[in-house]
Amino acid sequence: MRRRLLCTVAASLAGLALLITGAGTAAPAAQAASWRLEQPAPPAGSPYKVPLGRPGDLSCMSATRCLLAVEGNAIVPRGLWFYDGAAWRQLTTVCGGSADTTRIAWAGTDEFWTITEPSLPRRGGGLGLCHFRDGQVIASYSTAPDSADPFRTLTAAACSGPSDCWFGGVAAEDPSGQRAGGYHLHWDGTTLTSFYAPQGRGVSDIVAGAGRFYETTFIGAQREDRDTPVQLTQQEDFPYTIHAIQGTAFRNERYATLPPPGLRPGSAELLATDVASGNTPWFVGGGAASGPVAPADTNSPRPPLAVRLENGFYRDLSLDPALFGEHDRFTDVAAVPGGGDAWATVQSYQERASTTARARVVHMRPDDSAEVVRLPAGGSGRGAAARIEFTSADEGWMVTNAGWIFHFTDGAPRAAESDPAFARLITYRPNESVAQAISDTPPADDSQLFAPPDVEPEPEAVVRDPRTVRLKALMFRLSKPRVDRRLRLHLTFSLRRVARVQLQGRRKGKVVARTRLRRLKPGRHTLVLQLNRRRWPDRLRFVTKEPKR
């Protein structure tokens, strides 16, 4: 997923340098660019090259300035890797995180952001931000869970410059219940401000281009969320999965993913977008795996989806369906600078976490022709294709689910990047959680592995009224959760007013168990939630709806 600035100065200077260097010498014969495995040198203590772990993001400012975020593994620490034109090497051991949420956004040649995990003791993938400049982490951001305006899980990032960055995430609401929709943070150069997009679908990707930001969305509240209702300010006959952001205003773009015959609206979603210098915006996706129409254990059956913005109109490419399976989807896209082509990664729903499948990438052209390439060409697989990036027609990168790196190149050597901002390993990050109180009591031992999770407190209800009347919290006197031998969680509480109440169990932000939404009168009540050891929640959350007054 693309996070780079539309900046071609570095690439232009590099091209000029090659012209000057070659003016008096015969250039070597050009070779046709092709894909080849190009893994970093073995880590200390290992005689062999190893995979780097699941990739969160891959983004390049130029051909000699690329960043890769990896989840790491038993040998490789999680963090960021840097490509200097000659080789990949570890740049940071901080500000990494889960591959599902870690993202990169370039804000300048020596400045970028990452979506990451908060500083300890806070926890949660996608709930923190790191701001890098001149070879160090200059700022780190997160919020306490009980803050007045807490961060929600972020899954997409892009900057148009050092004073204009957008971060998008899951559909949510603020603690007061006054704002709801797709959660966003905006950086204006000095301050991070939260926004909730009116069409409350989860954000899958964001890119900056042509004086605005474009974002793609899932059908549901977040990736593979089939249950959480999506709050829409404007009802849609067909889901609008492309939004534009200008200033701080959100707008539905006039593109709707129409279903093939036999499928219902909402059966397709967009997963990635990219725009490059001299190219038009691209948007890709496939059969929806989120939202109410998505099947329980797979995605809606339909060919992958590729969309181009041409002369102000969005056009679906008519790709040959024989190239793909009915559950294949494009999961990332790289617009090729200086032309109209794009490359995309292809995964079936069943391959989305595979570290042994043979990767597939597709080269797409504006005339609707396409070619699928399998990597490696022979032998055992090294994981499904996960992230892709191109800096020119003959220079690109792809990284697999396992963390194997493939290079698309004509073999022409490049001078290594010598910027001191990327010359040393970054191991320090400011701890934005230092002011948070830490309990002196010891943590639970292993015997409490399946103890009841924490309960998110019910926020204080606020009624919009010219007289500013503040009501007491709807819910009070919450008991400690109790789990019986049949793995049923019992939670008792009291209500002050009539309300519809649902108890949800969440794991890493996703709903893994829930009760039905019940209408309850004031008084003492108990809800019973059936749990599953394989999907044990790490947090409980109440969903409440009160009658309008």
Protein backbone atom coordinates (compact mmCIF):
# COMPACT_ATOMS: atom_id res chain seq x y z
CA MET A 1 0.00 0.00 0.00
CA ARG A 2 1.39 3.31 -1.04
CA ARG A 3 2.45 5.93 1.43
CA ARG A 4 5.00 7.86 -0.66
CA LEU A 5 4.96 11.55 -1.54
CA LEU A 6 4.50 12.43 -5.19
CA CYS A 7 8.03 13.75 -5.23
CA THR A 8 10.20 13.20 -8.31
CA VAL A 9 13.08 15.55 -7.51
CA ALA A 10 15.35 12.79 -6.23
CA ALA A 11 14.50 10.53 -9.16
CA SER A 12 15.12 13.36 -11.65
CA LEU A 13 18.49 14.21 -10.11
CA ALA A 14 19.47 10.54 -10.18
CA GLY A 15 18.53 10.33 -13.86
CA LEU A 16 20.52 13.51 -14.61
CA ALA A 17 23.55 12.08 -12.81
CA LEU A 18 23.40 8.93 -14.93
CA LEU A 19 23.22 11.02 -18.12
CA ILE A 20 26.23 13.09 -17.04
CA THR A 21 28.22 10.02 -15.96
CA GLY A 22 27.49 8.21 -19.19
CA ALA A 23 28.24 11.17 -21.44
CA GLY A 24 31.83 10.18 -22.01
CA THR A 25 31.67 6.41 -21.61
CA ALA A 26 29.85 3.64 -23.37
CA ALA A 27 26.87 2.45 -21.35
CA PRO A 28 26.53 -1.29 -20.84
CA ALA A 29 23.93 -3.03 -22.98
CA ALA A 30 20.50 -2.75 -21.38
CA GLN A 31 18.87 -5.94 -20.19
CA ALA A 32 15.18 -6.64 -19.98
CA ALA A 33 13.99 -6.15 -16.42
CA SER A 34 12.87 -9.28 -14.61
CA TRP A 35 12.03 -10.51 -11.10
CA ARG A 36 14.72 -12.06 -8.89
CA LEU A 37 14.98 -12.95 -5.22
CA GLU A 38 17.12 -10.33 -3.43
CA GLN A 39 17.18 -11.07 0.29
CA PRO A 40 19.31 -9.10 2.80
CA ALA A 41 22.54 -10.62 4.08
CA PRO A 42 22.18 -13.27 6.82
CA PRO A 43 21.71 -11.86 10.32
CA ALA A 44 24.47 -12.29 12.90
CA GLY A 45 24.71 -15.90 14.00
CA SER A 46 22.91 -17.34 10.97
CA PRO A 47 24.79 -18.95 8.04
CA TYR A 48 21.80 -18.54 5.72
CA LYS A 49 19.55 -15.78 4.49
CA VAL A 50 16.23 -15.83 6.32
CA PRO A 51 12.73 -14.39 5.83
CA LEU A 52 12.04 -11.14 7.68
CA GLY A 53 8.51 -11.93 8.89
CA ARG A 54 5.15 -10.64 7.72
CA PRO A 55 5.40 -7.21 6.05
CA GLY A 56 3.25 -4.32 7.23
CA ASP A 57 4.15 -1.86 4.47
CA LEU A 58 6.58 -1.18 1.62
CA SER A 59 7.14 2.39 0.40
CA CYS A 60 9.79 4.21 -1.64
CA MET A 61 10.62 7.90 -1.92
CA SER A 62 13.00 7.11 -4.81
CA ALA A 63 14.92 4.18 -6.27
CA THR A 64 17.59 4.57 -3.58
CA ARG A 65 15.32 5.40 -0.64
CA CYS A 66 12.83 2.66 0.32
CA LEU A 67 11.34 1.55 3.63
CA LEU A 68 9.92 -1.85 4.59
CA ALA A 69 8.07 -2.53 7.85
CA VAL A 70 8.22 -6.15 9.05
CA GLU A 71 6.64 -8.00 11.93
CA GLY A 72 9.87 -9.92 12.54
CA ASN A 73 10.30 -13.48 13.77
CA ALA A 74 12.48 -15.55 16.12
CA ILE A 75 15.65 -14.36 14.34
CA VAL A 76 14.77 -10.95 12.92
CA PRO A 77 13.50 -8.19 15.27
CA ARG A 78 10.40 -6.30 14.22
CA GLY A 79 10.91 -2.80 12.93
CA LEU A 80 11.85 -1.00 9.70
CA TRP A 81 14.34 -1.90 6.97
CA PHE A 82 15.95 0.60 4.58
CA TYR A 83 17.12 0.13 0.97
CA ASP A 84 19.92 2.50 -0.05
CA GLY A 85 20.22 1.55 -3.72
CA ALA A 86 22.65 -1.28 -3.05
CA ALA A 87 21.25 -3.44 -0.23
CA TRP A 88 18.56 -3.75 2.44
CA ARG A 89 19.52 -3.34 6.12
CA GLN A 90 17.67 -2.89 9.39
CA LEU A 91 16.98 0.78 10.16
CA THR A 92 14.95 0.59 13.39
CA THR A 93 14.06 -1.83 16.16
CA VAL A 94 11.36 0.55 17.43
CA CYS A 95 8.06 1.83 16.04
CA GLY A 96 7.17 -1.44 14.35
CA GLY A 97 4.23 -3.67 15.15
CA SER A 98 1.63 -6.02 13.73
CA ALA A 99 1.64 -6.46 9.96
CA ASP A 100 -2.12 -5.86 9.96
CA THR A 101 -1.73 -2.27 11.12
CA THR A 102 1.86 -1.04 10.66
CA ARG A 103 1.99 1.53 7.85
CA ILE A 104 4.51 4.07 6.45
CA ALA A 105 3.92 7.62 5.17
CA TRP A 106 6.74 9.70 3.67
CA ALA A 107 6.48 13.41 4.59
CA GLY A 108 9.82 14.51 3.10
CA THR A 109 13.15 13.12 1.91
CA ASP A 110 14.33 12.64 5.53
CA GLU A 111 10.94 12.60 7.25
CA PHE A 112 8.27 9.95 7.59
CA TRP A 113 5.59 8.55 9.92
CA THR A 114 4.67 5.04 10.96
CA ILE A 115 1.46 3.64 12.40
CA THR A 116 2.66 1.45 15.23
CA GLU A 117 1.92 0.15 18.72
CA PRO A 118 1.84 2.53 21.71
CA SER A 119 4.73 2.78 24.12
CA LEU A 120 4.42 0.39 27.05
CA PRO A 121 2.45 -0.04 29.25
CA ARG A 122 -0.19 0.83 26.66
CA ARG A 123 -0.91 -1.87 24.11
CA GLY A 124 -2.68 -2.39 20.81
CA GLY A 125 -1.65 -2.61 17.16
CA GLY A 126 -2.48 0.53 15.21
CA LEU A 127 -3.01 2.65 18.34
CA GLY A 128 0.24 4.63 18.16
CA LEU A 129 2.17 6.91 15.80
CA CYS A 130 5.91 7.57 15.42
CA HIS A 131 7.27 10.66 13.69
CA PHE A 132 10.80 10.30 12.23
CA ARG A 133 13.01 13.15 11.05
CA ASP A 134 16.75 13.37 10.34
CA GLY A 135 17.54 9.89 11.60
CA GLN A 136 15.62 9.85 14.88
CA VAL A 137 12.13 9.49 16.32
CA ILE A 138 11.25 13.08 17.15
CA ALA A 139 7.80 12.33 18.59
CA SER A 140 5.61 9.43 19.63
CA TYR A 141 1.83 9.57 20.08
CA SER A 142 -0.89 7.46 21.69
CA THR A 143 -3.72 7.95 24.17
CA ALA A 144 -4.87 6.25 27.34
CA PRO A 145 -7.93 4.04 26.69
CA ASP A 146 -10.08 6.15 29.03
CA SER A 147 -9.11 9.52 27.54
CA ALA A 148 -11.77 11.94 26.33
CA ASP A 149 -10.73 11.46 22.68
CA PRO A 150 -8.90 8.12 22.43
CA PHE A 151 -7.08 6.84 19.37
CA ARG A 152 -8.92 4.13 17.46
CA THR A 153 -7.14 1.43 15.44
CA LEU A 154 -5.41 2.97 12.40
CA THR A 155 -4.76 0.99 9.20
CA ALA A 156 -3.78 3.54 6.51
CA ALA A 157 -1.49 6.56 6.20
CA ALA A 158 -0.33 9.15 3.65
CA CYS A 159 1.27 12.62 3.60
CA SER A 160 1.33 15.32 0.94
CA GLY A 161 4.10 17.12 2.83
CA PRO A 162 5.45 17.69 6.35
CA SER A 163 2.35 19.67 7.39
CA ASP A 164 -0.41 17.57 5.85
CA CYS A 165 -0.81 13.91 6.81
CA TRP A 166 -3.90 11.72 7.11
CA PHE A 167 -4.24 8.48 9.04
CA GLY A 168 -7.39 6.36 8.63
CA GLY A 169 -8.74 3.37 10.50
CA VAL A 170 -11.72 1.40 11.69
CA ALA A 171 -15.30 2.57 12.01
CA ALA A 172 -15.90 3.74 15.58
CA GLU A 173 -17.49 6.41 17.75
CA ASP A 174 -16.13 8.76 20.38
CA PRO A 175 -16.85 8.14 24.09
CA SER A 176 -19.65 10.73 24.14
CA GLY A 177 -21.48 9.10 21.24
CA GLN A 178 -21.66 12.46 19.47
CA ARG A 179 -19.29 11.52 16.63
CA ALA A 180 -19.28 8.25 14.69
CA GLY A 181 -17.88 7.01 11.39
CA GLY A 182 -14.57 6.04 9.83
CA TYR A 183 -11.89 7.13 12.32
CA HIS A 184 -9.20 9.53 11.06
CA LEU A 185 -6.34 11.61 12.46
CA HIS A 186 -4.99 14.67 10.66
CA TRP A 187 -1.55 16.23 11.20
CA ASP A 188 -1.31 19.92 10.26
CA GLY A 189 2.36 20.38 11.15
CA THR A 190 1.81 21.00 14.86
CA THR A 191 -1.29 19.11 16.04
CA LEU A 192 -3.06 15.78 15.57
CA THR A 193 -6.85 16.23 15.29
CA SER A 194 -9.42 13.43 15.19
CA PHE A 195 -12.18 13.20 12.57
CA TYR A 196 -14.95 10.70 11.96
CA ALA A 197 -15.80 10.32 8.26
CA PRO A 198 -19.57 10.45 7.69
CA GLN A 199 -19.76 7.18 5.71
CA GLY A 200 -18.59 4.90 8.49
CA ARG A 201 -16.74 2.16 6.66
CA GLY A 202 -13.27 1.03 7.71
CA VAL A 203 -10.40 2.58 5.74
CA SER A 204 -8.21 0.16 3.78
CA ASP A 205 -5.72 2.60 2.19
CA ILE A 206 -4.94 6.30 1.64
CA VAL A 207 -2.79 8.02 -1.00
CA ALA A 208 -1.96 11.68 -1.72
CA GLY A 209 -2.19 13.02 -5.25
CA ALA A 210 -3.50 15.83 -7.46
CA GLY A 211 -4.06 18.22 -4.55
CA ARG A 212 -6.18 15.84 -2.51
CA PHE A 213 -6.16 12.53 -0.70
CA TYR A 214 -7.96 9.44 -2.01
CA GLU A 215 -8.97 6.61 0.29
CA THR A 216 -10.40 3.15 -0.28
CA THR A 217 -12.68 1.37 2.16
CA PHE A 218 -13.88 -2.02 3.21
CA ILE A 219 -17.60 -2.72 3.11
CA GLY A 220 -17.63 -3.40 6.86
CA ALA A 221 -16.36 -1.51 9.87
CA GLN A 222 -12.90 -3.04 9.41
CA ARG A 223 -11.07 -5.87 7.65
CA GLU A 224 -13.12 -9.11 7.66
CA ASP A 225 -15.69 -7.65 10.08
CA ARG A 226 -19.00 -9.14 9.00
CA ASP A 227 -20.98 -8.27 12.14
CA THR A 228 -20.51 -4.67 13.32
CA PRO A 229 -23.21 -2.38 11.83
CA VAL A 230 -21.86 0.48 9.69
CA GLN A 231 -23.34 3.91 10.39
CA LEU A 232 -23.99 5.82 7.15
CA THR A 233 -24.86 9.51 7.15
CA GLN A 234 -26.26 9.09 3.63
CA GLN A 235 -27.91 5.86 2.57
CA GLU A 236 -26.40 4.22 -0.52
CA ASP A 237 -28.04 2.08 -3.19
CA PHE A 238 -24.55 0.74 -3.89
CA PRO A 239 -21.58 1.14 -1.52
CA TYR A 240 -19.25 4.03 -2.33
CA THR A 241 -15.78 2.65 -1.59
CA ILE A 242 -13.68 5.58 -2.83
CA HIS A 243 -13.59 8.83 -0.85
CA ALA A 244 -11.73 12.07 -1.52
CA ILE A 245 -10.39 14.33 1.25
CA GLN A 246 -9.77 18.00 0.47
CA GLY A 247 -8.75 20.17 3.39
CA THR A 248 -10.69 18.44 6.15
CA ALA A 249 -13.82 17.67 4.09
CA PHE A 250 -14.77 14.11 3.08
CA ARG A 251 -16.57 13.40 -0.19
CA ASN A 252 -17.96 10.23 -1.75
CA GLU A 253 -16.47 9.78 -5.21
CA ARG A 254 -18.90 8.87 -7.97
CA TYR A 255 -17.84 5.28 -8.18
CA ALA A 256 -19.79 2.30 -6.92
CA THR A 257 -18.67 -1.32 -7.16
CA LEU A 258 -21.57 -2.87 -9.04
CA PRO A 259 -22.14 -6.59 -8.36
CA PRO A 260 -21.91 -9.25 -11.10
CA PRO A 261 -25.12 -11.15 -11.90
CA GLY A 262 -26.22 -13.27 -8.95
CA LEU A 263 -24.48 -11.19 -6.28
CA ARG A 264 -25.92 -8.50 -4.04
CA PRO A 265 -24.67 -4.91 -3.61
CA GLY A 266 -21.83 -4.88 -1.11
CA SER A 267 -20.18 -8.00 -2.53
CA ALA A 268 -16.99 -6.14 -3.55
CA GLU A 269 -14.59 -3.87 -1.68
CA LEU A 270 -11.40 -1.96 -2.44
CA LEU A 271 -8.20 -2.82 -0.57
CA ALA A 272 -5.49 -0.50 -1.94
CA THR A 273 -4.81 2.62 -3.99
CA ASP A 274 -1.77 4.28 -5.53
CA VAL A 275 -0.84 7.23 -7.72
CA ALA A 276 2.55 8.04 -9.22
CA SER A 277 4.08 10.90 -11.17
CA GLY A 278 2.82 10.82 -14.76
CA ASN A 279 0.19 8.18 -13.93
CA THR A 280 -3.45 8.29 -12.91
CA PRO A 281 -4.83 6.97 -9.59
CA TRP A 282 -5.36 3.22 -9.40
CA PHE A 283 -7.71 1.40 -7.01
CA VAL A 284 -7.84 -2.39 -6.55
CA GLY A 285 -9.71 -5.01 -4.56
CA GLY A 286 -12.10 -7.88 -5.11
CA GLY A 287 -14.83 -9.92 -3.48
CA ALA A 288 -15.83 -8.50 -0.09
CA ALA A 289 -14.73 -10.31 3.07
CA SER A 290 -16.43 -7.75 5.33
CA GLY A 291 -19.95 -6.43 5.67
CA PRO A 292 -23.28 -8.27 5.92
CA VAL A 293 -23.14 -9.83 2.44
CA ALA A 294 -19.72 -11.49 2.86
CA PRO A 295 -19.77 -15.28 3.38
CA ALA A 296 -18.76 -16.52 6.82
CA ASP A 297 -15.39 -18.12 6.02
CA THR A 298 -14.37 -16.65 2.68
CA ASN A 299 -14.97 -13.66 0.40
CA SER A 300 -17.73 -13.10 -2.13
CA PRO A 301 -16.95 -15.03 -5.33
CA ARG A 302 -16.05 -12.63 -8.14
CA PRO A 303 -12.94 -11.72 -10.19
CA PRO A 304 -10.41 -9.24 -8.81
CA LEU A 305 -11.23 -5.57 -9.29
CA ALA A 306 -9.00 -2.86 -10.82
CA VAL A 307 -10.20 0.74 -11.31
CA ARG A 308 -8.54 3.75 -12.97
CA LEU A 309 -9.46 7.43 -12.77
CA GLU A 310 -9.47 8.60 -16.39
CA ASN A 311 -10.53 12.11 -17.46
CA GLY A 312 -12.54 12.59 -14.30
CA PHE A 313 -14.36 9.24 -14.54
CA TYR A 314 -13.73 5.95 -12.75
CA ARG A 315 -13.43 2.94 -15.05
CA ASP A 316 -13.28 -0.76 -14.22
CA LEU A 317 -10.65 -2.59 -16.23
CA SER A 318 -12.05 -5.51 -18.25
CA LEU A 319 -9.41 -8.03 -17.24
CA ASP A 320 -9.52 -11.59 -18.60
CA PRO A 321 -11.32 -13.60 -15.86
CA ALA A 322 -9.50 -16.77 -16.98
CA LEU A 323 -6.34 -15.38 -15.36
CA PHE A 324 -7.86 -15.56 -11.86
CA GLY A 325 -9.87 -17.71 -9.49
CA GLU A 326 -13.27 -16.65 -8.18
CA HIS A 327 -11.84 -15.92 -4.72
CA ASP A 328 -8.72 -14.08 -5.94
CA ARG A 329 -8.31 -10.44 -4.91
CA PHE A 330 -5.81 -7.67 -5.62
CA THR A 331 -4.44 -6.77 -2.18
CA ASP A 332 -1.90 -4.06 -3.09
CA VAL A 333 -1.13 -1.93 -6.14
CA ALA A 334 1.83 0.07 -7.45
CA ALA A 335 1.27 2.67 -10.18
CA VAL A 336 4.33 2.83 -12.44
CA PRO A 337 5.78 6.36 -12.61
CA GLY A 338 5.90 8.01 -16.02
CA GLY A 339 3.34 5.75 -17.68
CA GLY A 340 -0.11 4.22 -17.40
CA ASP A 341 0.80 0.73 -16.18
CA ALA A 342 0.43 -0.73 -12.71
CA TRP A 343 1.46 -3.89 -10.86
CA ALA A 344 -0.68 -5.56 -8.21
CA THR A 345 -0.34 -8.43 -5.78
CA VAL A 346 -2.81 -11.32 -6.14
CA GLN A 347 -4.02 -13.53 -3.29
CA SER A 348 -6.88 -15.93 -2.90
CA TYR A 349 -8.74 -15.57 0.38
CA GLN A 350 -7.26 -18.88 1.56
CA GLU A 351 -3.71 -17.65 0.75
CA ARG A 352 -3.99 -14.38 2.67
CA ALA A 353 -1.79 -15.66 5.52
CA SER A 354 0.19 -18.31 3.61
CA THR A 355 3.97 -18.31 3.99
CA THR A 356 4.46 -21.25 1.61
CA ALA A 357 2.31 -20.42 -1.44
CA ARG A 358 3.99 -19.24 -4.63
CA ALA A 359 3.50 -15.51 -4.97
CA ARG A 360 1.51 -14.01 -7.84
CA VAL A 361 1.82 -10.50 -9.23
CA VAL A 362 -0.06 -9.06 -12.20
CA HIS A 363 1.16 -6.44 -14.67
CA MET A 364 -1.85 -4.36 -15.83
CA ARG A 365 -2.01 -1.89 -18.70
CA PRO A 366 -4.58 0.82 -19.55
CA ASP A 367 -5.73 -1.18 -22.61
CA ASP A 368 -7.07 -3.84 -20.18
CA SER A 369 -4.36 -6.36 -21.04
CA ALA A 370 -2.70 -8.13 -18.11
CA GLU A 371 -0.04 -10.72 -17.39
CA VAL A 372 0.23 -12.84 -14.23
CA VAL A 373 3.74 -13.74 -13.02
CA ARG A 374 4.46 -16.43 -10.40
CA LEU A 375 7.39 -15.97 -8.01
CA PRO A 376 9.66 -17.80 -7.70
CA ALA A 377 9.37 -19.14 -11.24
CA GLY A 378 10.17 -22.64 -10.01
CA GLY A 379 10.66 -24.57 -6.80
CA SER A 380 8.84 -24.21 -3.51
CA GLY A 381 6.79 -21.15 -2.65
CA ARG A 382 8.02 -18.41 -0.34
CA GLY A 383 4.65 -16.98 0.60
CA ALA A 384 1.77 -15.22 -1.10
CA ALA A 385 2.53 -11.76 -2.54
CA ALA A 386 1.80 -9.14 0.13
CA ARG A 387 3.23 -5.67 -0.71
CA ILE A 388 4.47 -4.14 -3.97
CA GLU A 389 6.14 -0.86 -4.99
CA PHE A 390 7.60 0.55 -8.22
CA THR A 391 9.88 3.56 -8.71
CA SER A 392 10.18 3.28 -12.52
CA ALA A 393 9.18 0.99 -15.35
CA ASP A 394 12.22 -1.23 -14.75
CA GLU A 395 12.63 -0.88 -10.95
CA GLY A 396 10.25 -2.40 -8.42
CA TRP A 397 9.95 -4.49 -5.28
CA MET A 398 7.61 -7.16 -3.94
CA VAL A 399 7.66 -8.77 -0.51
CA THR A 400 5.81 -11.97 0.41
CA ASN A 401 3.80 -12.92 3.49
CA ALA A 402 6.85 -14.69 4.90
CA GLY A 403 9.14 -11.70 4.37
CA TRP A 404 11.06 -12.76 1.23
CA ILE A 405 11.98 -9.81 -1.01
CA PHE A 406 11.85 -9.93 -4.82
CA HIS A 407 13.43 -7.23 -6.98
CA PHE A 408 12.22 -6.25 -10.49
CA THR A 409 15.33 -4.84 -12.14
CA ASP A 410 17.36 -4.71 -15.33
CA GLY A 411 20.51 -5.31 -13.29
CA ALA A 412 21.92 -1.80 -13.71
CA PRO A 413 24.05 -0.96 -10.63
CA ARG A 414 23.25 2.09 -8.49
CA ALA A 415 25.32 4.17 -6.12
CA ALA A 416 24.40 3.55 -2.50
CA GLU A 417 22.44 6.25 -0.66
CA SER A 418 24.74 8.17 1.71
CA ASP A 419 22.20 10.28 3.62
CA PRO A 420 23.23 10.34 7.32
CA ALA A 421 19.55 10.26 8.32
CA PHE A 422 19.54 6.58 7.32
CA ALA A 423 23.11 5.69 8.27
CA ARG A 424 22.62 4.23 11.77
CA LEU A 425 20.32 1.85 13.60
CA ILE A 426 17.52 3.68 15.46
CA THR A 427 16.77 2.03 18.80
CA TYR A 428 15.24 4.86 20.85
CA ARG A 429 11.66 6.07 20.89
CA PRO A 430 10.20 8.66 23.28
CA ASN A 431 7.75 7.03 25.68
CA GLU A 432 4.48 8.92 25.37
CA SER A 433 2.99 6.73 28.13
CA VAL A 434 5.33 7.80 30.95
CA ALA A 435 2.63 9.89 32.59
CA GLN A 436 0.27 6.93 32.81
CA ALA A 437 -0.04 5.37 36.26
CA ILE A 438 1.22 1.80 36.45
CA SER A 439 -0.21 -0.58 39.01
CA ASP A 440 2.14 -1.92 41.68
CA THR A 441 0.33 -5.26 41.79
CA PRO A 442 2.05 -8.16 39.98
CA PRO A 443 0.59 -9.39 36.68
CA ALA A 444 -1.60 -12.47 36.56
CA ASP A 445 0.24 -15.77 36.36
CA ASP A 446 -0.18 -18.35 33.59
CA SER A 447 -3.02 -20.05 35.42
CA GLN A 448 -5.11 -16.94 34.66
CA LEU A 449 -4.62 -17.28 30.92
CA PHE A 450 -8.36 -17.59 30.37
CA ALA A 451 -9.44 -15.17 33.06
CA PRO A 452 -12.23 -12.77 32.09
CA PRO A 453 -11.00 -9.78 30.04
CA ASP A 454 -11.26 -6.18 31.18
CA VAL A 455 -14.56 -4.39 30.70
CA GLU A 456 -14.56 -1.06 28.91
CA PRO A 457 -16.46 1.40 31.13
CA GLU A 458 -19.70 2.79 29.81
CA PRO A 459 -19.10 6.41 28.72
CA GLU A 460 -21.07 9.16 30.35
CA ALA A 461 -24.12 9.97 28.25
CA VAL A 462 -24.50 13.51 26.98
CA VAL A 463 -27.77 14.93 25.64
CA ARG A 464 -27.61 17.65 23.02
CA ASP A 465 -29.72 20.44 24.44
CA PRO A 466 -29.41 24.24 24.48
CA ARG A 467 -29.54 24.06 28.27
CA THR A 468 -26.56 21.62 28.29
CA VAL A 469 -28.23 19.00 30.49
CA ARG A 470 -25.79 16.26 31.49
CA LEU A 471 -27.21 12.87 32.40
CA LYS A 472 -25.63 10.38 34.73
CA ALA A 473 -23.96 7.39 33.16
CA LEU A 474 -26.48 4.88 31.81
CA MET A 475 -24.64 1.94 33.35
CA PHE A 476 -23.25 1.55 36.89
CA ARG A 477 -22.36 -1.07 39.52
CA LEU A 478 -20.61 -3.40 37.07
CA SER A 479 -19.65 -6.70 38.68
CA LYS A 480 -16.41 -8.54 38.06
CA PRO A 481 -16.84 -10.86 35.02
CA ARG A 482 -17.21 -14.55 35.95
CA VAL A 483 -16.58 -17.51 33.63
CA ASP A 484 -18.22 -20.85 34.39
CA ARG A 485 -17.09 -24.34 33.41
CA ARG A 486 -19.01 -24.16 30.15
CA LEU A 487 -16.98 -21.07 29.11
CA ARG A 488 -19.96 -18.77 29.59
CA LEU A 489 -19.04 -15.30 30.83
CA HIS A 490 -21.55 -13.75 33.26
CA LEU A 491 -21.53 -9.98 33.74
CA THR A 492 -23.98 -8.17 36.03
CA PHE A 493 -24.71 -4.44 35.94
CA SER A 494 -27.38 -1.85 36.67
CA LEU A 495 -29.17 0.52 34.28
CA ARG A 496 -30.54 3.95 35.10
CA ARG A 497 -32.70 4.23 31.99
CA VAL A 498 -34.39 2.05 29.36
CA ALA A 499 -31.88 1.01 26.69
CA ARG A 500 -31.01 -1.67 24.19
CA VAL A 501 -27.81 -3.37 25.37
CA GLN A 502 -25.36 -5.80 23.77
CA LEU A 503 -22.16 -7.25 25.28
CA GLN A 504 -19.29 -7.89 22.86
CA GLY A 505 -16.02 -9.75 23.32
CA ARG A 506 -13.21 -8.31 21.21
CA ARG A 507 -9.77 -9.60 20.30
CA LYS A 508 -7.30 -7.21 18.65
CA GLY A 509 -10.18 -4.90 17.86
CA LYS A 510 -12.34 -7.55 16.17
CA VAL A 511 -15.62 -8.92 17.54
CA VAL A 512 -15.18 -12.61 18.49
CA ALA A 513 -18.31 -13.08 20.63
CA ARG A 514 -21.49 -11.14 21.28
CA THR A 515 -24.92 -11.36 22.89
CA ARG A 516 -28.06 -10.32 21.08
CA LEU A 517 -29.13 -6.69 21.36
CA ARG A 518 -31.79 -6.71 24.13
CA ARG A 519 -34.16 -4.01 25.36
CA LEU A 520 -33.71 -3.70 29.13
CA LYS A 521 -35.55 -1.67 31.75
CA PRO A 522 -33.88 0.24 34.62
CA GLY A 523 -32.56 -2.08 37.29
CA ARG A 524 -30.15 -4.97 37.78
CA HIS A 525 -29.38 -7.27 34.82
CA THR A 526 -26.99 -10.07 33.85
CA LEU A 527 -25.77 -10.84 30.32
CA VAL A 528 -24.24 -14.21 29.44
CA LEU A 529 -21.61 -14.37 26.68
CA GLN A 530 -20.51 -17.70 25.20
CA LEU A 531 -16.72 -17.80 24.77
CA ASN A 532 -14.35 -19.91 22.70
CA ARG A 533 -10.82 -20.79 23.88
CA ARG A 534 -9.44 -20.36 20.36
CA ARG A 535 -10.91 -16.87 20.04
CA TRP A 536 -10.53 -15.66 23.61
CA PRO A 537 -11.33 -11.93 23.91
CA ASP A 538 -8.84 -9.46 25.35
CA ARG A 539 -11.52 -6.86 26.06
CA LEU A 540 -15.25 -6.61 26.70
CA ARG A 541 -17.35 -3.78 25.32
CA PHE A 542 -20.94 -2.73 25.79
CA VAL A 543 -22.99 -1.49 22.81
CA THR A 544 -25.94 0.60 24.04
CA LYS A 545 -28.72 2.44 22.26
CA GLU A 546 -31.08 4.71 24.16
CA PRO A 547 -34.45 5.93 22.83
CA LYS A 548 -34.41 9.49 21.50
CA ARG A 549 -35.76 12.04 23.93
